[in-house]
Amino acid sequence: MASFEPMDRRSVEKRLVEALEEARKRRQGARDEFYRVISEIPSGLSSDGVLRIKKAAAENRTALQAYRVALRRFTDFVTGRKPRVN
């Protein structure tokens, strides 16, 4: 059976920072898309307009939640707290 060396602190931090940055970019893109959709939809909403807004809002919420999880994992790591289970 192969034994695995635990990742060193720098490697773990690097992976967490990369995950945080990826989540931040996704969140920013989702937020920008939400605002773009909102600005394109006229005030007299059609069912298509409502659906587009709901889809953009759902992606925005999902991306924000992923960012929060990544930020919490990184913060727990750098502060030495035991990581929380999602």
PDB file of N, CA and C in Angstrom:
ATOM      1  N   MET A   1       0.850  -1.175   0.000  1.00  0.00           N
ATOM      2  CA  MET A   1       0.000   0.000   0.000  1.00  0.00           C
ATOM      3  C   MET A   1       0.897   1.240   0.000  1.00  0.00           C
ATOM      4  N   ALA A   2       0.592   2.164  -0.877  1.00  0.00           N
ATOM      5  CA  ALA A   2       1.387   3.384  -0.992  1.00  0.00           C
ATOM      6  C   ALA A   2       1.056   4.322   0.166  1.00  0.00           C
ATOM      7  N   SER A   3       2.084   4.972   0.657  1.00  0.00           N
ATOM      8  CA  SER A   3       1.834   5.972   1.695  1.00  0.00           C
ATOM      9  C   SER A   3       1.888   7.355   1.052  1.00  0.00           C
ATOM     10  N   PHE A   4       1.061   8.243   1.551  1.00  0.00           N
ATOM     11  CA  PHE A   4       0.987   9.584   1.007  1.00  0.00           C
ATOM     12  C   PHE A   4       1.531  10.559   2.023  1.00  0.00           C
ATOM     13  N   GLU A   5       2.369  11.454   1.547  1.00  0.00           N
ATOM     14  CA  GLU A   5       2.902  12.500   2.409  1.00  0.00           C
ATOM     15  C   GLU A   5       1.851  13.599   2.531  1.00  0.00           C
ATOM     16  N   PRO A   6       1.649  14.118   3.715  1.00  0.00           N
ATOM     17  CA  PRO A   6       0.708  15.231   3.829  1.00  0.00           C
ATOM     18  C   PRO A   6       1.247  16.446   3.071  1.00  0.00           C
ATOM     19  N   MET A   7       0.353  17.204   2.525  1.00  0.00           N
ATOM     20  CA  MET A   7       0.770  18.396   1.777  1.00  0.00           C
ATOM     21  C   MET A   7       1.409  19.377   2.747  1.00  0.00           C
ATOM     22  N   ASP A   8       2.444  20.031   2.290  1.00  0.00           N
ATOM     23  CA  ASP A   8       3.039  21.037   3.155  1.00  0.00           C
ATOM     24  C   ASP A   8       2.151  22.276   3.175  1.00  0.00           C
ATOM     25  N   ARG A   9       2.361  23.088   4.144  1.00  0.00           N
ATOM     26  CA  ARG A   9       1.507  24.264   4.380  1.00  0.00           C
ATOM     27  C   ARG A   9       1.429  25.179   3.163  1.00  0.00           C
ATOM     28  N   ARG A  10       2.535  25.404   2.498  1.00  0.00           N
ATOM     29  CA  ARG A  10       2.530  26.296   1.322  1.00  0.00           C
ATOM     30  C   ARG A  10       1.672  25.721   0.197  1.00  0.00           C
ATOM     31  N   SER A  11       1.743  24.432   0.000  1.00  0.00           N
ATOM     32  CA  SER A  11       0.940  23.795  -1.051  1.00  0.00           C
ATOM     33  C   SER A  11      -0.548  23.911  -0.743  1.00  0.00           C
ATOM     34  N   VAL A  12      -0.887  23.687   0.506  1.00  0.00           N
ATOM     35  CA  VAL A  12      -2.287  23.803   0.905  1.00  0.00           C
ATOM     36  C   VAL A  12      -2.752  25.241   0.716  1.00  0.00           C
ATOM     37  N   GLU A  13      -1.956  26.182   1.187  1.00  0.00           N
ATOM     38  CA  GLU A  13      -2.327  27.594   1.059  1.00  0.00           C
ATOM     39  C   GLU A  13      -2.476  27.980  -0.413  1.00  0.00           C
ATOM     40  N   LYS A  14      -1.558  27.521  -1.241  1.00  0.00           N
ATOM     41  CA  LYS A  14      -1.619  27.837  -2.675  1.00  0.00           C
ATOM     42  C   LYS A  14      -2.917  27.319  -3.284  1.00  0.00           C
ATOM     43  N   ARG A  15      -3.292  26.086  -2.964  1.00  0.00           N
ATOM     44  CA  ARG A  15      -4.526  25.508  -3.502  1.00  0.00           C
ATOM     45  C   ARG A  15      -5.758  26.255  -2.994  1.00  0.00           C
ATOM     46  N   LEU A  16      -5.737  26.643  -1.740  1.00  0.00           N
ATOM     47  CA  LEU A  16      -6.868  27.393  -1.194  1.00  0.00           C
ATOM     48  C   LEU A  16      -6.979  28.777  -1.820  1.00  0.00           C
ATOM     49  N   VAL A  17      -5.856  29.429  -2.040  1.00  0.00           N
ATOM     50  CA  VAL A  17      -5.864  30.746  -2.691  1.00  0.00           C
ATOM     51  C   VAL A  17      -6.381  30.620  -4.124  1.00  0.00           C
ATOM     52  N   GLU A  18      -5.937  29.585  -4.830  1.00  0.00           N
ATOM     53  CA  GLU A  18      -6.413  29.375  -6.200  1.00  0.00           C
ATOM     54  C   GLU A  18      -7.922  29.130  -6.222  1.00  0.00           C
ATOM     55  N   ALA A  19      -8.413  28.328  -5.294  1.00  0.00           N
ATOM     56  CA  ALA A  19      -9.851  28.060  -5.221  1.00  0.00           C
ATOM     57  C   ALA A  19     -10.619  29.330  -4.884  1.00  0.00           C
ATOM     58  N   LEU A  20     -10.065  30.137  -3.992  1.00  0.00           N
ATOM     59  CA  LEU A  20     -10.694  31.398  -3.613  1.00  0.00           C
ATOM     60  C   LEU A  20     -10.748  32.343  -4.806  1.00  0.00           C
ATOM     61  N   GLU A  21      -9.675  32.439  -5.544  1.00  0.00           N
ATOM     62  CA  GLU A  21      -9.628  33.325  -6.713  1.00  0.00           C
ATOM     63  C   GLU A  21     -10.601  32.850  -7.793  1.00  0.00           C
ATOM     64  N   GLU A  22     -10.665  31.562  -8.008  1.00  0.00           N
ATOM     65  CA  GLU A  22     -11.602  31.012  -8.993  1.00  0.00           C
ATOM     66  C   GLU A  22     -13.046  31.314  -8.588  1.00  0.00           C
ATOM     67  N   ALA A  23     -13.354  31.134  -7.322  1.00  0.00           N
ATOM     68  CA  ALA A  23     -14.697  31.417  -6.822  1.00  0.00           C
ATOM     69  C   ALA A  23     -15.009  32.905  -6.914  1.00  0.00           C
ATOM     70  N   ARG A  24     -14.027  33.738  -6.641  1.00  0.00           N
ATOM     71  CA  ARG A  24     -14.223  35.198  -6.730  1.00  0.00           C
ATOM     72  C   ARG A  24     -14.534  35.611  -8.166  1.00  0.00           C
ATOM     73  N   LYS A  25     -13.793  35.048  -9.112  1.00  0.00           N
ATOM     74  CA  LYS A  25     -14.026  35.379 -10.517  1.00  0.00           C
ATOM     75  C   LYS A  25     -15.402  34.903 -10.973  1.00  0.00           C
ATOM     76  N   ARG A  26     -15.786  33.696 -10.542  1.00  0.00           N
ATOM     77  CA  ARG A  26     -17.109  33.184 -10.900  1.00  0.00           C
ATOM     78  C   ARG A  26     -18.189  34.088 -10.323  1.00  0.00           C
ATOM     79  N   ARG A  27     -18.016  34.479  -9.086  1.00  0.00           N
ATOM     80  CA  ARG A  27     -18.985  35.363  -8.418  1.00  0.00           C
ATOM     81  C   ARG A  27     -19.076  36.691  -9.142  1.00  0.00           C
ATOM     82  N   GLN A  28     -17.945  37.257  -9.482  1.00  0.00           N
ATOM     83  CA  GLN A  28     -17.936  38.548 -10.173  1.00  0.00           C
ATOM     84  C   GLN A  28     -18.628  38.433 -11.533  1.00  0.00           C
ATOM     85  N   GLY A  29     -18.344  37.364 -12.260  1.00  0.00           N
ATOM     86  CA  GLY A  29     -18.982  37.157 -13.554  1.00  0.00           C
ATOM     87  C   GLY A  29     -20.482  36.974 -13.431  1.00  0.00           C
ATOM     88  N   ALA A  30     -20.905  36.217 -12.432  1.00  0.00           N
ATOM     89  CA  ALA A  30     -22.334  35.989 -12.214  1.00  0.00           C
ATOM     90  C   ALA A  30     -23.032  37.278 -11.817  1.00  0.00           C
ATOM     91  N   ARG A  31     -22.395  38.064 -10.988  1.00  0.00           N
ATOM     92  CA  ARG A  31     -22.976  39.356 -10.580  1.00  0.00           C
ATOM     93  C   ARG A  31     -23.095  40.290 -11.776  1.00  0.00           C
ATOM     94  N   ASP A  32     -22.036  40.357 -12.576  1.00  0.00           N
ATOM     95  CA  ASP A  32     -22.065  41.215 -13.762  1.00  0.00           C
ATOM     96  C   ASP A  32     -23.153  40.773 -14.736  1.00  0.00           C
ATOM     97  N   GLU A  33     -23.304  39.465 -14.912  1.00  0.00           N
ATOM     98  CA  GLU A  33     -24.341  38.936 -15.801  1.00  0.00           C
ATOM     99  C   GLU A  33     -25.732  39.269 -15.259  1.00  0.00           C
ATOM    100  N   PHE A  34     -25.915  39.152 -13.964  1.00  0.00           N
ATOM    101  CA  PHE A  34     -27.204  39.492 -13.363  1.00  0.00           C
ATOM    102  C   PHE A  34     -27.557  40.949 -13.647  1.00  0.00           C
ATOM    103  N   TYR A  35     -26.624  41.849 -13.410  1.00  0.00           N
ATOM    104  CA  TYR A  35     -26.893  43.267 -13.659  1.00  0.00           C
ATOM    105  C   TYR A  35     -27.102  43.557 -15.146  1.00  0.00           C
ATOM    106  N   ARG A  36     -26.401  42.830 -16.007  1.00  0.00           N
ATOM    107  CA  ARG A  36     -26.578  43.010 -17.447  1.00  0.00           C
ATOM    108  C   ARG A  36     -27.994  42.598 -17.847  1.00  0.00           C
ATOM    109  N   VAL A  37     -28.439  41.449 -17.351  1.00  0.00           N
ATOM    110  CA  VAL A  37     -29.783  40.969 -17.666  1.00  0.00           C
ATOM    111  C   VAL A  37     -30.828  41.953 -17.148  1.00  0.00           C
ATOM    112  N   ILE A  38     -30.654  42.411 -15.929  1.00  0.00           N
ATOM    113  CA  ILE A  38     -31.596  43.370 -15.340  1.00  0.00           C
ATOM    114  C   ILE A  38     -31.682  44.636 -16.199  1.00  0.00           C
ATOM    115  N   SER A  39     -30.552  45.124 -16.672  1.00  0.00           N
ATOM    116  CA  SER A  39     -30.559  46.369 -17.456  1.00  0.00           C
ATOM    117  C   SER A  39     -31.163  46.172 -18.845  1.00  0.00           C
ATOM    118  N   GLU A  40     -31.162  44.946 -19.374  1.00  0.00           N
ATOM    119  CA  GLU A  40     -31.704  44.680 -20.702  1.00  0.00           C
ATOM    120  C   GLU A  40     -33.206  44.431 -20.704  1.00  0.00           C
ATOM    121  N   ILE A  41     -33.754  44.057 -19.567  1.00  0.00           N
ATOM    122  CA  ILE A  41     -35.168  43.701 -19.500  1.00  0.00           C
ATOM    123  C   ILE A  41     -35.989  44.969 -19.287  1.00  0.00           C
ATOM    124  N   PRO A  42     -36.964  45.223 -20.154  1.00  0.00           N
ATOM    125  CA  PRO A  42     -37.812  46.406 -19.962  1.00  0.00           C
ATOM    126  C   PRO A  42     -38.699  46.245 -18.727  1.00  0.00           C
ATOM    127  N   SER A  43     -39.282  47.337 -18.292  1.00  0.00           N
ATOM    128  CA  SER A  43     -40.086  47.288 -17.066  1.00  0.00           C
ATOM    129  C   SER A  43     -41.342  46.440 -17.229  1.00  0.00           C
ATOM    130  N   GLY A  44     -41.891  46.318 -18.425  1.00  0.00           N
ATOM    131  CA  GLY A  44     -43.030  45.433 -18.662  1.00  0.00           C
ATOM    132  C   GLY A  44     -42.503  44.037 -18.930  1.00  0.00           C
ATOM    133  N   LEU A  45     -42.345  43.240 -17.896  1.00  0.00           N
ATOM    134  CA  LEU A  45     -41.682  41.945 -18.009  1.00  0.00           C
ATOM    135  C   LEU A  45     -42.505  40.913 -18.776  1.00  0.00           C
ATOM    136  N   SER A  46     -41.831  40.222 -19.667  1.00  0.00           N
ATOM    137  CA  SER A  46     -42.426  39.057 -20.325  1.00  0.00           C
ATOM    138  C   SER A  46     -42.036  37.822 -19.518  1.00  0.00           C
ATOM    139  N   SER A  47     -42.661  36.696 -19.835  1.00  0.00           N
ATOM    140  CA  SER A  47     -42.288  35.475 -19.117  1.00  0.00           C
ATOM    141  C   SER A  47     -40.836  35.110 -19.402  1.00  0.00           C
ATOM    142  N   ASP A  48     -40.353  35.405 -20.616  1.00  0.00           N
ATOM    143  CA  ASP A  48     -38.951  35.150 -20.949  1.00  0.00           C
ATOM    144  C   ASP A  48     -38.023  36.036 -20.113  1.00  0.00           C
ATOM    145  N   GLY A  49     -38.409  37.284 -19.940  1.00  0.00           N
ATOM    146  CA  GLY A  49     -37.616  38.206 -19.128  1.00  0.00           C
ATOM    147  C   GLY A  49     -37.544  37.767 -17.676  1.00  0.00           C
ATOM    148  N   VAL A  50     -38.673  37.326 -17.156  1.00  0.00           N
ATOM    149  CA  VAL A  50     -38.715  36.840 -15.767  1.00  0.00           C
ATOM    150  C   VAL A  50     -37.813  35.621 -15.615  1.00  0.00           C
ATOM    151  N   LEU A  51     -37.895  34.697 -16.586  1.00  0.00           N
ATOM    152  CA  LEU A  51     -37.066  33.496 -16.536  1.00  0.00           C
ATOM    153  C   LEU A  51     -35.585  33.843 -16.589  1.00  0.00           C
ATOM    154  N   ARG A  52     -35.205  34.765 -17.466  1.00  0.00           N
ATOM    155  CA  ARG A  52     -33.794  35.175 -17.558  1.00  0.00           C
ATOM    156  C   ARG A  52     -33.299  35.769 -16.246  1.00  0.00           C
ATOM    157  N   ILE A  53     -34.136  36.604 -15.630  1.00  0.00           N
ATOM    158  CA  ILE A  53     -33.753  37.216 -14.350  1.00  0.00           C
ATOM    159  C   ILE A  53     -33.614  36.138 -13.273  1.00  0.00           C
ATOM    160  N   LYS A  54     -34.562  35.205 -13.229  1.00  0.00           N
ATOM    161  CA  LYS A  54     -34.492  34.137 -12.217  1.00  0.00           C
ATOM    162  C   LYS A  54     -33.252  33.277 -12.404  1.00  0.00           C
ATOM    163  N   LYS A  55     -32.920  32.947 -13.638  1.00  0.00           N
ATOM    164  CA  LYS A  55     -31.734  32.129 -13.890  1.00  0.00           C
ATOM    165  C   LYS A  55     -30.458  32.877 -13.505  1.00  0.00           C
ATOM    166  N   ALA A  56     -30.380  34.155 -13.873  1.00  0.00           N
ATOM    167  CA  ALA A  56     -29.195  34.951 -13.525  1.00  0.00           C
ATOM    168  C   ALA A  56     -29.083  35.105 -12.012  1.00  0.00           C
ATOM    169  N   ALA A  57     -30.216  35.310 -11.350  1.00  0.00           N
ATOM    170  CA  ALA A  57     -30.204  35.458  -9.890  1.00  0.00           C
ATOM    171  C   ALA A  57     -29.782  34.161  -9.207  1.00  0.00           C
ATOM    172  N   ALA A  58     -30.259  33.027  -9.727  1.00  0.00           N
ATOM    173  CA  ALA A  58     -29.893  31.732  -9.142  1.00  0.00           C
ATOM    174  C   ALA A  58     -28.397  31.481  -9.285  1.00  0.00           C
ATOM    175  N   GLU A  59     -27.837  31.768 -10.446  1.00  0.00           N
ATOM    176  CA  GLU A  59     -26.391  31.585 -10.642  1.00  0.00           C
ATOM    177  C   GLU A  59     -25.607  32.535  -9.744  1.00  0.00           C
ATOM    178  N   ASN A  60     -26.112  33.744  -9.586  1.00  0.00           N
ATOM    179  CA  ASN A  60     -25.462  34.724  -8.712  1.00  0.00           C
ATOM    180  C   ASN A  60     -25.428  34.209  -7.271  1.00  0.00           C
ATOM    181  N   ARG A  61     -26.553  33.666  -6.793  1.00  0.00           N
ATOM    182  CA  ARG A  61     -26.605  33.114  -5.424  1.00  0.00           C
ATOM    183  C   ARG A  61     -25.678  31.919  -5.269  1.00  0.00           C
ATOM    184  N   THR A  62     -25.677  31.031  -6.264  1.00  0.00           N
ATOM    185  CA  THR A  62     -24.821  29.844  -6.209  1.00  0.00           C
ATOM    186  C   THR A  62     -23.348  30.240  -6.183  1.00  0.00           C
ATOM    187  N   ALA A  63     -22.989  31.195  -7.029  1.00  0.00           N
ATOM    188  CA  ALA A  63     -21.599  31.656  -7.086  1.00  0.00           C
ATOM    189  C   ALA A  63     -21.192  32.338  -5.783  1.00  0.00           C
ATOM    190  N   LEU A  64     -22.091  33.119  -5.213  1.00  0.00           N
ATOM    191  CA  LEU A  64     -21.796  33.782  -3.939  1.00  0.00           C
ATOM    192  C   LEU A  64     -21.589  32.755  -2.834  1.00  0.00           C
ATOM    193  N   GLN A  65     -22.425  31.731  -2.794  1.00  0.00           N
ATOM    194  CA  GLN A  65     -22.275  30.686  -1.777  1.00  0.00           C
ATOM    195  C   GLN A  65     -20.934  29.960  -1.941  1.00  0.00           C
ATOM    196  N   ALA A  66     -20.554  29.662  -3.175  1.00  0.00           N
ATOM    197  CA  ALA A  66     -19.268  28.999  -3.418  1.00  0.00           C
ATOM    198  C   ALA A  66     -18.111  29.891  -2.969  1.00  0.00           C
ATOM    199  N   TYR A  67     -18.236  31.197  -3.204  1.00  0.00           N
ATOM    200  CA  TYR A  67     -17.200  32.135  -2.763  1.00  0.00           C
ATOM    201  C   TYR A  67     -17.120  32.162  -1.241  1.00  0.00           C
ATOM    202  N   ARG A  68     -18.271  32.178  -0.587  1.00  0.00           N
ATOM    203  CA  ARG A  68     -18.278  32.178   0.884  1.00  0.00           C
ATOM    204  C   ARG A  68     -17.600  30.930   1.447  1.00  0.00           C
ATOM    205  N   VAL A  69     -17.870  29.786   0.841  1.00  0.00           N
ATOM    206  CA  VAL A  69     -17.255  28.533   1.300  1.00  0.00           C
ATOM    207  C   VAL A  69     -15.741  28.596   1.112  1.00  0.00           C
ATOM    208  N   ALA A  70     -15.295  29.051  -0.068  1.00  0.00           N
ATOM    209  CA  ALA A  70     -13.855  29.144  -0.338  1.00  0.00           C
ATOM    210  C   ALA A  70     -13.185  30.119   0.622  1.00  0.00           C
ATOM    211  N   LEU A  71     -13.840  31.241   0.877  1.00  0.00           N
ATOM    212  CA  LEU A  71     -13.284  32.236   1.796  1.00  0.00           C
ATOM    213  C   LEU A  71     -13.204  31.687   3.213  1.00  0.00           C
ATOM    214  N   ARG A  72     -14.255  30.978   3.640  1.00  0.00           N
ATOM    215  CA  ARG A  72     -14.250  30.392   4.979  1.00  0.00           C
ATOM    216  C   ARG A  72     -13.148  29.342   5.120  1.00  0.00           C
ATOM    217  N   ARG A  73     -12.973  28.502   4.095  1.00  0.00           N
ATOM    218  CA  ARG A  73     -11.924  27.479   4.154  1.00  0.00           C
ATOM    219  C   ARG A  73     -10.545  28.131   4.245  1.00  0.00           C
ATOM    220  N   PHE A  74     -10.316  29.162   3.440  1.00  0.00           N
ATOM    221  CA  PHE A  74      -9.028  29.852   3.469  1.00  0.00           C
ATOM    222  C   PHE A  74      -8.816  30.526   4.828  1.00  0.00           C
ATOM    223  N   THR A  75      -9.829  31.211   5.315  1.00  0.00           N
ATOM    224  CA  THR A  75      -9.726  31.901   6.608  1.00  0.00           C
ATOM    225  C   THR A  75      -9.462  30.917   7.738  1.00  0.00           C
ATOM    226  N   ASP A  76     -10.181  29.799   7.731  1.00  0.00           N
ATOM    227  CA  ASP A  76      -9.944  28.774   8.757  1.00  0.00           C
ATOM    228  C   ASP A  76      -8.505  28.276   8.697  1.00  0.00           C
ATOM    229  N   PHE A  77      -7.995  28.091   7.494  1.00  0.00           N
ATOM    230  CA  PHE A  77      -6.626  27.595   7.341  1.00  0.00           C
ATOM    231  C   PHE A  77      -5.612  28.594   7.881  1.00  0.00           C
ATOM    232  N   VAL A  78      -5.697  29.859   7.457  1.00  0.00           N
ATOM    233  CA  VAL A  78      -4.677  30.828   7.862  1.00  0.00           C
ATOM    234  C   VAL A  78      -4.779  31.213   9.330  1.00  0.00           C
ATOM    235  N   THR A  79      -5.961  31.051   9.930  1.00  0.00           N
ATOM    236  CA  THR A  79      -6.097  31.372  11.352  1.00  0.00           C
ATOM    237  C   THR A  79      -5.871  30.160  12.247  1.00  0.00           C
ATOM    238  N   GLY A  80      -5.695  28.994  11.631  1.00  0.00           N
ATOM    239  CA  GLY A  80      -5.420  27.782  12.402  1.00  0.00           C
ATOM    240  C   GLY A  80      -6.649  27.133  12.997  1.00  0.00           C
ATOM    241  N   ARG A  81      -7.826  27.586  12.589  1.00  0.00           N
ATOM    242  CA  ARG A  81      -9.060  26.946  13.071  1.00  0.00           C
ATOM    243  C   ARG A  81      -9.279  25.634  12.363  1.00  0.00           C
ATOM    244  N   LYS A  82      -9.927  24.744  13.054  1.00  0.00           N
ATOM    245  CA  LYS A  82     -10.275  23.460  12.448  1.00  0.00           C
ATOM    246  C   LYS A  82     -11.303  23.734  11.346  1.00  0.00           C
ATOM    247  N   PRO A  83     -11.052  23.220  10.143  1.00  0.00           N
ATOM    248  CA  PRO A  83     -12.013  23.462   9.059  1.00  0.00           C
ATOM    249  C   PRO A  83     -13.393  22.906   9.387  1.00  0.00           C
ATOM    250  N   ARG A  84     -14.394  23.679   9.003  1.00  0.00           N
ATOM    251  CA  ARG A  84     -15.779  23.257   9.220  1.00  0.00           C
ATOM    252  C   ARG A  84     -16.214  22.345   8.096  1.00  0.00           C
ATOM    253  N   VAL A  85     -17.073  21.423   8.422  1.00  0.00           N
ATOM    254  CA  VAL A  85     -17.633  20.527   7.412  1.00  0.00           C
ATOM    255  C   VAL A  85     -18.869  21.196   6.841  1.00  0.00           C
ATOM    256  N   ASN A  86     -18.970  21.214   5.518  1.00  0.00           N
ATOM    257  CA  ASN A  86     -20.119  21.871   4.867  1.00  0.00           C
ATOM    258  C   ASN A  86     -21.344  21.032   4.966  1.00  0.00           C
TER     259      ASN A  86
END
